[in-house]
Amino acid sequence: LPVVDPANGEIFDELQRSNAQDIDDAVRAARQCFDSVWQKTPALERGRLLLKLSAKVSEHADELAALEQRDCGKPTKQARA
């Protein structure tokens, strides 16, 4: 699927189209991970992992905001929020 920049109408990327089987497979994999690993991980460790994820998101905040702006046409301040 083409990803169009709403500011200029140009295609700047493409996304793979999924079907119902792809979604079922993803949900099944997520459930399996939850049941076999995440649920058994101590709460303190889950918290540490989520904080590491948060730090990575913050580390790449400018890149993510730029993508959000380009994809949705949002102003910079709104995209960073």
Protein backbone atom coordinates (compact mmCIF):
# COMPACT_ATOMS: atom_id res chain seq x y z
CA LEU A 1 0.00 0.00 0.00
CA PRO A 2 1.45 3.40 -0.87
CA VAL A 3 2.07 5.87 1.97
CA VAL A 4 1.26 9.36 0.70
CA ASP A 5 2.59 12.62 2.13
CA PRO A 6 -0.59 14.72 2.52
CA ALA A 7 1.40 17.95 2.15
CA ASN A 8 2.44 17.25 -1.43
CA GLY A 9 0.62 14.07 -2.51
CA GLU A 10 3.89 12.20 -3.14
CA ILE A 11 4.37 8.56 -2.20
CA PHE A 12 7.23 8.33 0.30
CA ASP A 13 7.00 4.69 1.35
CA GLU A 14 5.02 1.48 1.00
CA LEU A 15 3.40 -0.84 3.51
CA GLN A 16 2.76 -4.53 3.04
CA ARG A 17 -0.93 -5.38 2.74
CA SER A 18 -2.08 -7.96 5.29
CA ASN A 19 -4.95 -10.39 5.24
CA ALA A 20 -7.01 -12.14 7.89
CA GLN A 21 -4.52 -15.02 8.14
CA ASP A 22 -1.65 -12.57 8.80
CA ILE A 23 -3.66 -11.01 11.62
CA ASP A 24 -4.57 -14.39 13.09
CA ASP A 25 -0.90 -15.43 12.98
CA ALA A 26 0.20 -12.21 14.72
CA VAL A 27 -2.43 -12.58 17.45
CA ARG A 28 -1.48 -16.22 17.95
CA ALA A 29 2.23 -15.33 18.23
CA ALA A 30 1.48 -12.52 20.70
CA ARG A 31 -0.66 -14.85 22.82
CA GLN A 32 2.02 -17.53 22.78
CA CYS A 33 4.67 -15.02 23.89
CA PHE A 34 2.43 -13.69 26.64
CA ASP A 35 1.62 -17.17 27.93
CA SER A 36 5.14 -18.60 27.69
CA VAL A 37 7.39 -15.65 28.57
CA TRP A 38 5.83 -12.30 29.48
CA GLN A 39 3.31 -13.61 32.02
CA LYS A 40 6.06 -15.56 33.78
CA THR A 41 8.49 -12.63 33.86
CA PRO A 42 8.57 -10.97 37.27
CA ALA A 43 6.81 -7.59 37.44
CA LEU A 44 10.05 -5.77 38.32
CA GLU A 45 11.76 -7.14 35.19
CA ARG A 46 8.74 -6.32 33.00
CA GLY A 47 8.92 -2.77 34.35
CA ARG A 48 12.62 -2.56 33.53
CA LEU A 49 11.98 -3.78 29.99
CA LEU A 50 9.19 -1.26 29.49
CA LEU A 51 11.46 1.53 30.75
CA LYS A 52 14.13 0.46 28.25
CA LEU A 53 11.51 0.56 25.49
CA SER A 54 10.44 4.02 26.64
CA ALA A 55 14.06 5.20 26.56
CA LYS A 56 14.44 3.96 22.97
CA VAL A 57 11.25 5.77 21.92
CA SER A 58 12.58 8.95 23.55
CA GLU A 59 15.98 8.45 21.92
CA HIS A 60 14.29 8.40 18.50
CA ALA A 61 11.59 10.97 19.25
CA ASP A 62 12.68 13.38 16.52
CA GLU A 63 12.70 10.63 13.88
CA LEU A 64 9.31 9.33 14.99
CA ALA A 65 7.83 12.85 15.04
CA ALA A 66 9.16 13.50 11.53
CA LEU A 67 7.54 10.28 10.28
CA GLU A 68 4.26 11.18 11.98
CA GLN A 69 4.36 14.63 10.39
CA ARG A 70 5.01 13.21 6.96
CA ASP A 71 2.42 10.46 7.27
CA CYS A 72 -0.41 12.53 8.78
CA GLY A 73 0.51 16.11 7.98
CA LYS A 74 0.58 17.04 11.66
CA PRO A 75 2.32 20.18 12.93
CA THR A 76 5.67 19.52 14.65
CA LYS A 77 4.39 20.25 18.17
CA GLN A 78 1.45 17.89 17.75
CA ALA A 79 3.56 15.15 16.16
CA ARG A 80 6.02 15.27 19.09
CA ALA A 81 3.21 15.02 21.62
